[in-house]
Amino acid sequence: MTRHSHNSLDPNSGRLKQEGMILIIVLVVILMLSLGAYTFTDLMITYDEAADLSGERIQARWTADSGIDMIRMHLILPDQQRYDAGGEYNNSMMFQAINVVPDTNPRNIANFTAVAPFVDQTGLMSGIRYGLEDESARINLNALLLADTYVTNGGRTLLMALPGMSEDVADSILDWIDEDDDTREYGAEYDYYQSLVPPYSPKNGPLDTVEELLLIRGVFPQLLFGQDANRNGMVDPSETGLINNGANTANQAMTPPATAMTGDPAMAGIERGWASFLTLYSQEANLNAAGEPRIDVNSEDLETLHQDLQSKFSLDVANFIILYRQSESNSSETENGVPAATIEMDFTLPPSRSITQLLELVEIRLEVEGLEGPVLVNPAFPLNSLGAYVDNLMDNAAANSNPTIPGRININQAPRSLLMGIPGITEEIVDRIIQERIPDPAEDVSKMQPTEAWLLKNLIVDLDEFRQMLPFICVGGDVFRTQVIGYFEDGAASSRVEVVIDRTTATPRIRLWRDLSHLGRGYSLEMLGLQYIDGSVPGQAPMSLPTP
């Protein structure tokens, strides 16, 4: 009997194996196609999310730009209208969580917030506020040489107010910006910079950016920028300890001085870096409170000057200023004379001198030629009634016709350290200023200090001290700085811009625009404001955080 194998008995077994193999191949192909489709879908979703995020970042930038435009519109308003709207010092209703892109979906809601550094009641930096920073609360580097014309080493004195500043660095900064190659007492000039590898020359002119200071001998990133790596005006916990002994790439042979470390009392405030105390833009419009040009008491057209003075002051004041300009010297007589209003004016006599500052007119007597001989003229600005006229005098008159006044320091808002650098000031005067000043004029307009003369009227300084300080101080400038953050309330995208806006022109112009988005949002969403998500309303108080 012939035996047959099982395969020989089943002619379909081979075909079944083939069909099974085909099925496996089909399943593998389907699996591969499914994985490919899944990968493609996932990639498309990723691309779609990236496109959405890119779009949101663009929208966040537009939101920040909208905030800048709103600020410019606010600054174009007259002072009283700005105060009625809450002002710009600390105004959360105008500058915190202002919605630009509304939507029912929180992911699509975009706001902007404008922040500035907050100076507490002791005059020290402490957190942020919602508003603008007056550039006159900083030291104007390009006005330092002007300070030297008023006081010997006035520029050095102002710079020495910076925490950790030394005389050699201060003089080196002044040597960098002055026009000559003469080395100051502690400075560095052309010969020093030519000895470096690679060699270069000092600017011998105004700075274009604050960062240009890094080219100057003794200025290091640790001193210029401090620990505030993300430039948000605060030292975040992650930034503590960033000041170290790294070298300046422009001055590789040098290392920062030992005082560049925290813990030294002289370094109080260095955590934020010198850049937070410096500017190139501060100035004030040479206008009175009504927005009109002040009268230039040094005008060569004496008759027109007399008419202008009479429109704002008395005939006695108008006559006295013209007589003072026509006189070569003051009288030392103390006896009583006649009022200037009784003198018949002769405008054909040319002026013999100029007025350096308005307060040199206080308690001055003049001797003029009358029909019957010399005539003694009584003071038009008596010392015993100074408080009655000084604000009106300083608001409506000036010793020059320049449209702007650069570089003076706002005593109402500047931090304590910068006040201490004003020539002629003392620690006692600084304490009184901080105690009695009103940083936010919109808070109580009735108590607003209209001119720098409030120091005299409050008996904080005497007349001689005030005359020495006057070229360096003001009660408010017309150039403002802020950081504007455009952001979505879910935190997905944001844009942060630092901007400096100048309102000394008819239409406020942007003097500095700097994108800080690469440094991150800089502030938590809670600080910026989340009123559309959680229903809360931003508070009026500044967000004050302790420095670690």
Protein backbone atom coordinates (compact mmCIF):
# COMPACT_ATOMS: atom_id res chain seq x y z
CA MET A 1 0.00 0.00 0.00
CA THR A 2 1.36 3.40 -1.01
CA ARG A 3 1.57 6.05 1.73
CA HIS A 4 0.87 9.73 0.89
CA SER A 5 1.96 12.80 2.90
CA HIS A 6 -0.54 15.13 4.46
CA ASN A 7 0.41 17.83 1.90
CA SER A 8 -0.15 15.58 -0.94
CA LEU A 9 -3.54 14.88 0.47
CA ASP A 10 -4.36 18.68 0.68
CA PRO A 11 -3.73 20.41 -2.64
CA ASN A 12 -4.95 23.74 -1.20
CA SER A 13 -2.43 24.00 1.65
CA GLY A 14 0.19 25.87 -0.42
CA ARG A 15 -2.37 28.33 -1.60
CA LEU A 16 -3.48 28.92 1.98
CA LYS A 17 0.07 29.71 3.02
CA GLN A 18 0.41 32.20 0.19
CA GLU A 19 -2.84 33.88 1.09
CA GLY A 20 -1.74 34.08 4.74
CA MET A 21 1.52 35.69 3.73
CA ILE A 22 -0.32 38.19 1.54
CA LEU A 23 -2.61 39.02 4.44
CA ILE A 24 0.35 39.70 6.71
CA ILE A 25 1.94 41.91 4.04
CA VAL A 26 -1.33 43.81 3.61
CA LEU A 27 -1.58 44.28 7.37
CA VAL A 28 2.01 45.56 7.52
CA VAL A 29 1.35 47.94 4.63
CA ILE A 30 -1.84 49.18 6.30
CA LEU A 31 0.09 49.64 9.56
CA MET A 32 2.86 51.54 7.80
CA LEU A 33 0.34 53.69 5.96
CA SER A 34 -1.49 54.33 9.25
CA LEU A 35 1.76 55.28 10.98
CA GLY A 36 2.66 57.50 8.04
CA ALA A 37 -0.76 59.12 8.13
CA TYR A 38 -0.51 59.56 11.91
CA THR A 39 2.97 61.07 11.59
CA PHE A 40 1.81 63.35 8.81
CA THR A 41 -1.26 64.39 10.81
CA ASP A 42 0.83 64.99 13.92
CA LEU A 43 3.32 67.01 11.87
CA MET A 44 0.50 69.03 10.33
CA ILE A 45 -0.96 69.66 13.79
CA THR A 46 2.47 70.79 14.99
CA TYR A 47 2.83 73.05 11.96
CA ASP A 48 -0.67 74.39 12.57
CA GLU A 49 0.10 75.08 16.23
CA ALA A 50 3.38 76.72 15.22
CA ALA A 51 1.54 78.85 12.68
CA ASP A 52 -1.04 79.78 15.34
CA LEU A 53 1.72 80.65 17.81
CA SER A 54 3.54 82.69 15.18
CA GLY A 55 0.31 84.49 14.42
CA GLU A 56 -0.29 85.10 18.11
CA ARG A 57 3.21 86.51 18.50
CA ILE A 58 2.51 88.90 15.64
CA GLN A 59 -0.78 89.84 17.28
CA ALA A 60 1.04 90.32 20.59
CA ARG A 61 3.47 92.68 18.83
CA TRP A 62 0.56 94.61 17.33
CA THR A 63 -1.02 94.73 20.79
CA ALA A 64 2.18 96.24 22.24
CA ASP A 65 2.30 98.71 19.35
CA SER A 66 -1.31 99.66 20.11
CA GLY A 67 -0.23 100.39 23.66
CA ILE A 68 2.57 102.66 22.41
CA ASP A 69 0.14 104.56 20.18
CA MET A 70 -2.28 104.96 23.10
CA ILE A 71 0.54 106.36 25.26
CA ARG A 72 1.46 108.87 22.57
CA MET A 73 -2.17 109.97 22.36
CA HIS A 74 -2.21 110.38 26.14
CA LEU A 75 0.97 112.47 26.14
CA ILE A 76 -0.34 114.84 23.48
CA LEU A 77 -3.03 116.03 25.91
CA PRO A 78 -2.56 119.23 27.97
CA ASP A 79 -1.39 118.69 31.54
CA GLN A 80 -4.78 119.20 33.16
CA GLN A 81 -6.48 116.68 30.88
CA ARG A 82 -3.76 114.13 31.60
CA TYR A 83 -4.21 114.68 35.34
CA ASP A 84 -8.00 114.36 35.00
CA ALA A 85 -7.44 110.99 33.29
CA GLY A 86 -5.30 109.82 36.21
CA GLY A 87 -1.91 110.93 34.89
CA GLU A 88 0.90 108.63 33.85
CA TYR A 89 2.83 107.99 37.06
CA ASN A 90 0.73 105.14 38.44
CA ASN A 91 -2.55 104.67 36.62
CA SER A 92 -3.66 101.04 36.43
CA MET A 93 -6.99 101.97 34.83
CA MET A 94 -5.12 103.30 31.80
CA PHE A 95 -1.95 101.20 31.72
CA GLN A 96 -2.74 97.75 33.16
CA ALA A 97 -4.44 94.91 31.28
CA ILE A 98 -5.97 97.11 28.59
CA ASN A 99 -7.84 94.82 26.24
CA VAL A 100 -7.03 95.13 22.53
CA VAL A 101 -8.27 91.80 21.14
CA PRO A 102 -11.55 90.73 22.82
CA ASP A 103 -12.91 87.20 22.49
CA THR A 104 -15.10 84.70 24.33
CA ASN A 105 -12.17 82.27 24.30
CA PRO A 106 -9.49 83.33 26.84
CA ARG A 107 -6.82 81.97 24.52
CA ASN A 108 -7.69 84.65 22.00
CA ILE A 109 -7.87 87.59 24.44
CA ALA A 110 -4.90 89.96 24.09
CA ASN A 111 -4.05 92.91 26.38
CA PHE A 112 -1.22 95.35 26.89
CA THR A 113 0.30 96.62 30.14
CA ALA A 114 2.83 99.45 30.54
CA VAL A 115 5.19 99.24 33.52
CA ALA A 116 7.84 101.47 35.07
CA PRO A 117 10.09 101.17 38.14
CA PHE A 118 8.55 102.16 41.47
CA VAL A 119 10.45 104.33 43.96
CA ASP A 120 9.21 103.77 47.51
CA GLN A 121 8.78 106.33 50.30
CA THR A 122 12.43 105.97 51.30
CA GLY A 123 13.62 106.86 47.80
CA LEU A 124 14.73 103.32 46.92
CA MET A 125 13.70 101.19 43.93
CA SER A 126 11.04 98.65 44.89
CA GLY A 127 9.08 96.71 42.28
CA ILE A 128 6.99 98.23 39.51
CA ARG A 129 4.06 100.56 38.89
CA TYR A 130 1.65 100.85 35.98
CA GLY A 131 2.63 103.92 34.02
CA LEU A 132 5.57 105.83 32.59
CA GLU A 133 9.01 106.76 33.94
CA ASP A 134 10.12 110.37 33.62
CA GLU A 135 13.52 110.29 31.89
CA SER A 136 14.46 113.29 34.04
CA ALA A 137 14.57 110.86 36.98
CA ARG A 138 17.81 109.55 35.41
CA ILE A 139 21.25 111.04 34.73
CA ASN A 140 21.59 112.30 31.17
CA LEU A 141 25.06 111.21 30.02
CA ASN A 142 25.14 113.66 27.13
CA ALA A 143 24.42 116.60 29.47
CA LEU A 144 27.28 115.85 31.86
CA LEU A 145 29.66 118.31 30.19
CA LEU A 146 27.06 121.04 30.66
CA ALA A 147 27.22 120.37 34.40
CA ASP A 148 30.94 121.21 34.34
CA THR A 149 30.09 124.73 33.13
CA TYR A 150 28.08 125.40 36.29
CA VAL A 151 30.26 123.74 38.93
CA THR A 152 33.83 122.50 38.85
CA ASN A 153 33.72 118.73 38.24
CA GLY A 154 29.91 118.89 38.16
CA GLY A 155 29.73 115.96 35.75
CA ARG A 156 31.93 113.81 37.97
CA THR A 157 29.81 114.72 40.99
CA LEU A 158 26.64 113.55 39.23
CA LEU A 159 28.23 110.27 38.12
CA MET A 160 29.57 109.54 41.59
CA ALA A 161 25.96 109.16 42.70
CA LEU A 162 25.81 105.83 40.86
CA PRO A 163 26.28 102.85 43.20
CA GLY A 164 29.80 101.48 42.95
CA MET A 165 31.06 104.37 40.79
CA SER A 166 34.69 105.43 41.23
CA GLU A 167 36.45 108.65 40.28
CA ASP A 168 38.62 106.96 37.65
CA VAL A 169 35.58 105.47 35.86
CA ALA A 170 33.64 108.75 36.14
CA ASP A 171 36.52 110.75 34.63
CA SER A 172 37.01 108.10 31.93
CA ILE A 173 33.33 108.48 30.92
CA LEU A 174 33.74 112.26 30.72
CA ASP A 175 36.99 111.89 28.72
CA TRP A 176 35.14 109.62 26.29
CA ILE A 177 32.45 112.19 25.50
CA ASP A 178 34.39 115.47 25.65
CA GLU A 179 35.85 116.84 22.42
CA ASP A 180 39.52 117.00 23.41
CA ASP A 181 42.25 114.44 24.01
CA ASP A 182 43.32 115.97 27.32
CA THR A 183 43.20 113.35 30.07
CA ARG A 184 41.29 114.34 33.20
CA GLU A 185 42.73 113.82 36.67
CA TYR A 186 41.63 110.18 36.92
CA GLY A 187 40.53 109.59 33.34
CA ALA A 188 41.66 107.83 30.16
CA GLU A 189 42.06 109.25 26.67
CA TYR A 190 43.39 108.40 23.23
CA ASP A 191 46.76 107.00 24.39
CA TYR A 192 45.15 104.47 26.71
CA TYR A 193 42.70 103.09 24.15
CA GLN A 194 45.42 102.86 21.50
CA SER A 195 47.38 100.60 23.86
CA LEU A 196 44.60 97.99 23.93
CA VAL A 197 44.41 94.93 21.64
CA PRO A 198 42.76 95.69 19.31
CA PRO A 199 43.29 99.45 19.61
CA TYR A 200 40.48 101.96 19.09
CA SER A 201 39.81 105.66 19.64
CA PRO A 202 37.51 107.37 22.15
CA LYS A 203 34.25 108.82 20.86
CA ASN A 204 35.02 112.46 21.76
CA GLY A 205 31.36 113.23 21.22
CA PRO A 206 27.84 112.42 22.46
CA LEU A 207 26.92 108.79 23.10
CA ASP A 208 24.51 107.05 20.74
CA THR A 209 23.51 104.32 23.20
CA VAL A 210 24.03 103.68 26.89
CA GLU A 211 25.59 100.32 25.96
CA GLU A 212 28.46 102.24 24.34
CA LEU A 213 29.78 102.72 27.88
CA LEU A 214 31.14 99.16 27.69
CA LEU A 215 33.94 100.51 25.49
CA ILE A 216 35.15 102.78 28.29
CA ARG A 217 37.89 101.85 30.71
CA GLY A 218 36.53 100.33 33.90
CA VAL A 219 32.92 99.83 32.71
CA PHE A 220 31.91 96.17 32.80
CA PRO A 221 28.66 94.37 31.96
CA GLN A 222 28.27 93.46 35.63
CA LEU A 223 28.27 97.13 36.58
CA LEU A 224 26.23 98.39 33.64
CA PHE A 225 23.48 95.74 33.75
CA GLY A 226 23.77 94.29 37.27
CA GLN A 227 21.86 91.12 38.07
CA ASP A 228 18.74 92.11 36.15
CA ALA A 229 19.39 89.79 33.21
CA ASN A 230 15.89 90.01 31.76
CA ARG A 231 15.77 93.83 32.12
CA ASN A 232 12.44 93.92 33.97
CA GLY A 233 13.61 96.36 36.64
CA MET A 234 13.72 93.73 39.39
CA VAL A 235 16.09 91.01 40.54
CA ASP A 236 14.17 87.78 40.14
CA PRO A 237 15.09 84.74 42.27
CA SER A 238 16.70 83.09 39.24
CA GLU A 239 18.95 86.14 38.74
CA THR A 240 20.42 86.29 42.24
CA GLY A 241 24.21 86.01 42.17
CA LEU A 242 24.73 86.93 38.53
CA ILE A 243 27.30 89.64 39.42
CA ASN A 244 30.69 87.94 39.16
CA ASN A 245 34.25 88.54 38.12
CA GLY A 246 33.81 88.19 34.36
CA ALA A 247 35.94 90.50 32.21
CA ASN A 248 34.82 93.16 29.79
CA THR A 249 35.44 91.96 26.25
CA ALA A 250 36.39 95.49 25.17
CA ASN A 251 38.99 95.77 27.95
CA GLN A 252 40.25 92.23 28.23
CA ALA A 253 43.27 93.20 30.31
CA MET A 254 41.03 94.44 33.11
CA THR A 255 38.76 92.79 35.65
CA PRO A 256 35.94 94.42 37.59
CA PRO A 257 36.96 96.05 40.87
CA ALA A 258 36.32 94.23 44.12
CA THR A 259 33.44 96.59 44.84
CA ALA A 260 31.55 95.02 41.95
CA MET A 261 30.40 92.31 44.35
CA THR A 262 27.21 92.49 46.36
CA GLY A 263 27.42 92.97 50.12
CA ASP A 264 29.32 96.28 50.00
CA PRO A 265 27.13 99.10 51.42
CA ALA A 266 28.40 101.40 48.67
CA MET A 267 26.87 99.02 46.12
CA ALA A 268 23.25 99.42 47.26
CA GLY A 269 21.20 99.46 44.08
CA ILE A 270 23.86 97.94 41.81
CA GLU A 271 21.65 94.85 41.39
CA ARG A 272 19.69 96.74 38.73
CA GLY A 273 22.89 98.06 37.10
CA TRP A 274 23.94 101.57 36.08
CA ALA A 275 21.85 101.37 32.91
CA SER A 276 18.69 101.71 34.99
CA PHE A 277 19.91 105.12 36.24
CA LEU A 278 21.15 106.51 32.91
CA THR A 279 19.62 108.09 29.82
CA LEU A 280 20.50 110.06 26.70
CA TYR A 281 17.11 111.69 26.21
CA SER A 282 15.89 113.67 29.26
CA GLN A 283 14.74 117.23 28.62
CA GLU A 284 11.96 119.68 29.45
CA ALA A 285 10.02 121.95 27.16
CA ASN A 286 10.86 125.57 27.97
CA LEU A 287 7.15 126.40 28.40
CA ASN A 288 5.05 127.74 31.23
CA ALA A 289 2.13 125.91 32.81
CA ALA A 290 -0.21 127.21 30.08
CA GLY A 291 2.00 125.72 27.36
CA GLU A 292 3.36 129.10 26.23
CA PRO A 293 7.07 129.84 25.62
CA ARG A 294 8.71 131.44 28.63
CA ILE A 295 9.96 135.00 28.28
CA ASP A 296 13.69 135.15 27.55
CA VAL A 297 14.97 137.83 29.94
CA ASN A 298 18.21 138.00 27.92
CA SER A 299 16.49 139.13 24.71
CA GLU A 300 18.40 141.84 22.85
CA ASP A 301 15.18 143.64 21.87
CA LEU A 302 14.60 145.48 25.14
CA GLU A 303 11.40 147.24 24.13
CA THR A 304 9.69 144.01 23.08
CA LEU A 305 11.07 142.33 26.18
CA HIS A 306 9.54 145.06 28.31
CA GLN A 307 6.15 144.54 26.68
CA ASP A 308 6.34 140.78 27.18
CA LEU A 309 7.30 141.19 30.83
CA GLN A 310 4.41 143.57 31.46
CA SER A 311 2.00 140.97 30.07
CA LYS A 312 2.99 138.52 32.83
CA PHE A 313 4.34 140.72 35.62
CA SER A 314 3.97 144.23 37.01
CA LEU A 315 5.39 147.42 35.50
CA ASP A 316 7.84 147.50 38.41
CA VAL A 317 9.22 144.06 37.48
CA ALA A 318 9.38 144.90 33.76
CA ASN A 319 11.24 148.16 34.39
CA PHE A 320 13.60 146.59 36.90
CA ILE A 321 14.71 143.76 34.59
CA ILE A 322 15.41 146.21 31.74
CA LEU A 323 17.34 148.52 34.10
CA TYR A 324 19.31 145.54 35.43
CA ARG A 325 20.26 144.52 31.90
CA GLN A 326 21.35 148.10 31.09
CA SER A 327 23.39 148.47 34.30
CA GLU A 328 26.96 147.27 34.56
CA SER A 329 26.85 146.57 38.30
CA ASN A 330 24.57 146.50 41.32
CA SER A 331 24.40 149.08 44.07
CA SER A 332 25.80 148.34 47.52
CA GLU A 333 23.60 151.00 49.15
CA THR A 334 21.11 149.83 51.77
CA GLU A 335 19.05 152.97 52.08
CA ASN A 336 15.55 153.20 50.68
CA GLY A 337 15.21 154.26 47.03
CA VAL A 338 12.39 154.56 44.50
CA PRO A 339 10.34 151.82 42.81
CA ALA A 340 11.50 150.84 39.33
CA ALA A 341 8.00 151.67 38.07
CA THR A 342 8.72 155.38 38.60
CA ILE A 343 11.75 155.37 36.28
CA GLU A 344 11.26 156.62 32.73
CA MET A 345 12.66 153.94 30.44
CA ASP A 346 15.13 154.58 27.63
CA PHE A 347 15.12 151.57 25.31
CA THR A 348 17.85 153.05 23.11
CA LEU A 349 20.44 152.15 25.74
CA PRO A 350 21.94 148.73 24.81
CA PRO A 351 22.10 145.92 27.38
CA SER A 352 25.37 145.76 29.31
CA ARG A 353 24.99 142.29 30.82
CA SER A 354 23.01 139.08 30.73
CA ILE A 355 21.15 137.27 33.48
CA THR A 356 22.69 133.89 34.33
CA GLN A 357 19.73 132.70 36.41
CA LEU A 358 16.56 134.42 37.52
CA LEU A 359 17.31 134.25 41.23
CA GLU A 360 20.35 136.50 40.87
CA LEU A 361 17.76 139.31 40.75
CA VAL A 362 16.61 138.67 44.34
CA GLU A 363 17.30 141.51 46.82
CA ILE A 364 19.27 143.51 44.22
CA ARG A 365 19.38 147.32 44.27
CA LEU A 366 20.37 149.37 41.26
CA GLU A 367 21.75 152.84 40.75
CA VAL A 368 20.69 154.54 37.53
CA GLU A 369 21.23 157.99 36.07
CA GLY A 370 18.26 160.32 36.48
CA LEU A 371 17.66 163.87 35.27
CA GLU A 372 19.13 165.26 38.48
CA GLY A 373 21.86 162.66 39.08
CA PRO A 374 22.11 159.06 40.33
CA VAL A 375 18.87 157.42 41.51
CA LEU A 376 18.74 154.37 43.81
CA VAL A 377 16.17 151.78 42.65
CA ASN A 378 14.53 149.48 45.20
CA PRO A 379 14.55 145.70 44.68
CA ALA A 380 11.68 144.42 42.53
CA PHE A 381 12.33 140.96 44.01
CA PRO A 382 12.67 141.45 47.78
CA LEU A 383 13.85 138.45 49.76
CA ASN A 384 11.26 138.84 52.51
CA SER A 385 8.39 138.21 50.06
CA LEU A 386 10.12 135.61 47.89
CA GLY A 387 7.41 133.00 48.38
CA ALA A 388 4.76 135.31 46.96
CA TYR A 389 6.31 135.72 43.52
CA VAL A 390 8.96 133.06 42.94
CA ASP A 391 6.67 130.45 41.32
CA ASN A 392 5.23 133.00 38.90
CA LEU A 393 8.71 134.26 38.04
CA MET A 394 10.17 130.82 37.37
CA ASP A 395 7.12 129.60 35.46
CA ASN A 396 6.89 132.54 33.06
CA ALA A 397 10.51 133.65 32.58
CA ALA A 398 13.79 131.97 31.64
CA ALA A 399 17.40 132.98 31.17
CA ASN A 400 17.50 131.60 27.60
CA SER A 401 15.27 131.12 24.58
CA ASN A 402 16.14 127.48 23.90
CA PRO A 403 13.00 125.45 23.18
CA THR A 404 14.12 122.71 25.57
CA ILE A 405 16.25 122.37 28.71
CA PRO A 406 18.27 119.12 28.77
CA GLY A 407 19.54 116.94 31.54
CA ARG A 408 18.08 118.32 34.77
CA ILE A 409 17.06 115.83 37.48
CA ASN A 410 13.43 115.52 38.58
CA ILE A 411 13.62 115.96 42.36
CA ASN A 412 10.02 114.73 42.71
CA GLN A 413 10.70 111.26 41.26
CA ALA A 414 14.45 110.53 41.15
CA PRO A 415 15.74 107.77 43.46
CA ARG A 416 17.69 108.74 46.58
CA SER A 417 21.09 107.81 45.14
CA LEU A 418 20.75 110.24 42.22
CA LEU A 419 19.52 113.05 44.48
CA MET A 420 22.68 112.60 46.53
CA GLY A 421 24.76 113.41 43.43
CA ILE A 422 23.26 116.88 42.87
CA PRO A 423 26.03 119.46 43.49
CA GLY A 424 25.47 121.43 46.70
CA ILE A 425 22.99 118.96 48.20
CA THR A 426 23.32 117.29 51.60
CA GLU A 427 21.87 114.10 53.07
CA GLU A 428 19.61 116.19 55.30
CA ILE A 429 18.22 118.04 52.26
CA VAL A 430 17.64 114.74 50.43
CA ASP A 431 15.74 113.34 53.42
CA ARG A 432 13.48 116.41 53.50
CA ILE A 433 12.88 116.26 49.74
CA ILE A 434 11.85 112.60 49.86
CA GLN A 435 9.65 113.23 52.89
CA GLU A 436 7.79 116.21 51.39
CA ARG A 437 7.76 115.62 47.64
CA ILE A 438 4.72 114.51 45.65
CA PRO A 439 5.88 112.01 42.97
CA ASP A 440 2.47 111.76 41.28
CA PRO A 441 1.03 115.19 40.45
CA ALA A 442 -2.28 113.63 39.40
CA GLU A 443 -2.80 112.19 42.87
CA ASP A 444 -3.67 115.61 44.32
CA VAL A 445 -3.38 118.52 41.86
CA SER A 446 -4.10 121.01 44.65
CA LYS A 447 -0.82 120.02 46.33
CA MET A 448 1.22 119.91 43.12
CA GLN A 449 4.63 121.60 43.31
CA PRO A 450 4.64 123.77 40.15
CA THR A 451 8.33 124.75 40.15
CA GLU A 452 11.57 123.81 41.86
CA ALA A 453 11.01 126.77 44.20
CA TRP A 454 8.99 124.54 46.53
CA LEU A 455 12.34 123.75 48.14
CA LEU A 456 12.62 127.43 49.09
CA LYS A 457 8.99 127.85 50.12
CA ASN A 458 9.15 124.76 52.35
CA LEU A 459 12.42 126.06 53.89
CA ILE A 460 14.29 122.93 52.82
CA VAL A 461 17.15 125.04 51.37
CA ASP A 462 18.23 128.64 51.69
CA LEU A 463 18.64 130.99 48.74
CA ASP A 464 22.36 130.36 48.26
CA GLU A 465 21.89 126.58 48.33
CA PHE A 466 19.00 126.86 45.90
CA ARG A 467 21.00 128.98 43.46
CA GLN A 468 23.74 126.34 43.40
CA MET A 469 21.29 123.46 42.87
CA LEU A 470 18.97 125.19 40.37
CA PRO A 471 20.93 124.38 37.15
CA PHE A 472 20.68 120.67 38.01
CA ILE A 473 17.08 120.19 39.18
CA CYS A 474 13.52 120.31 37.83
CA VAL A 475 10.07 119.13 38.95
CA GLY A 476 9.27 117.14 35.82
CA GLY A 477 10.49 116.44 32.32
CA ASP A 478 8.75 115.88 29.00
CA VAL A 479 10.39 112.62 27.90
CA PHE A 480 9.07 109.30 29.20
CA ARG A 481 10.18 105.67 29.19
CA THR A 482 8.14 102.53 29.71
CA GLN A 483 8.05 98.82 28.92
CA VAL A 484 4.91 97.83 27.02
CA ILE A 485 3.98 94.15 27.14
CA GLY A 486 1.45 92.79 24.68
CA TYR A 487 0.26 89.35 25.81
CA PHE A 488 -2.46 86.73 25.56
CA GLU A 489 -4.10 85.93 28.87
CA ASP A 490 -3.39 82.20 28.55
CA GLY A 491 0.35 83.03 28.40
CA ALA A 492 0.86 81.41 25.01
CA ALA A 493 2.47 84.41 23.32
CA SER A 494 3.76 87.82 24.30
CA SER A 495 5.83 90.75 23.04
CA ARG A 496 7.83 93.14 25.24
CA VAL A 497 9.07 96.50 23.99
CA GLU A 498 11.00 99.27 25.74
CA VAL A 499 10.16 102.69 24.35
CA VAL A 500 11.18 106.32 25.04
CA ILE A 501 8.66 108.96 23.94
CA ASP A 502 9.44 112.67 23.66
CA ARG A 503 6.52 115.10 24.06
CA THR A 504 8.55 118.32 23.56
CA THR A 505 7.37 118.31 19.94
CA ALA A 506 3.83 119.00 18.73
CA THR A 507 3.30 115.28 18.14
CA PRO A 508 5.08 113.00 20.65
CA ARG A 509 7.90 111.20 18.87
CA ILE A 510 9.62 107.91 19.62
CA ARG A 511 13.27 108.42 20.57
CA LEU A 512 14.02 104.77 21.39
CA TRP A 513 12.28 101.54 20.42
CA ARG A 514 13.86 98.33 21.63
CA ASP A 515 12.47 94.79 21.33
CA LEU A 516 12.99 92.86 24.58
CA SER A 517 10.89 89.85 23.60
CA HIS A 518 13.95 87.62 23.41
CA LEU A 519 14.36 88.14 27.19
CA GLY A 520 10.92 86.74 27.89
CA ARG A 521 7.70 88.29 29.07
CA GLY A 522 9.52 89.61 32.15
CA TYR A 523 6.46 89.73 34.43
CA SER A 524 3.95 87.16 35.63
CA LEU A 525 0.47 87.18 34.14
CA GLU A 526 -0.87 88.11 37.58
CA MET A 527 1.29 91.25 37.63
CA LEU A 528 0.29 92.17 34.09
CA GLY A 529 -3.40 91.64 34.79
CA LEU A 530 -5.93 88.89 34.10
CA GLN A 531 -9.22 90.74 34.51
CA TYR A 532 -10.89 88.96 31.57
CA ILE A 533 -10.10 85.47 32.80
CA ASP A 534 -10.72 85.68 36.54
CA GLY A 535 -13.03 88.70 36.57
CA SER A 536 -10.75 90.75 38.81
CA VAL A 537 -10.07 94.44 38.27
CA PRO A 538 -6.47 95.68 38.38
CA GLY A 539 -5.69 97.58 41.59
CA GLN A 540 -4.32 101.08 41.78
CA ALA A 541 -1.38 100.24 44.04
CA PRO A 542 2.02 99.52 42.48
CA MET A 543 3.26 95.95 42.57
CA SER A 544 6.11 96.13 45.08
CA LEU A 545 8.29 93.08 45.44
CA PRO A 546 11.28 92.73 47.78
CA THR A 547 14.63 92.35 46.09
CA PRO A 548 16.10 88.91 46.93
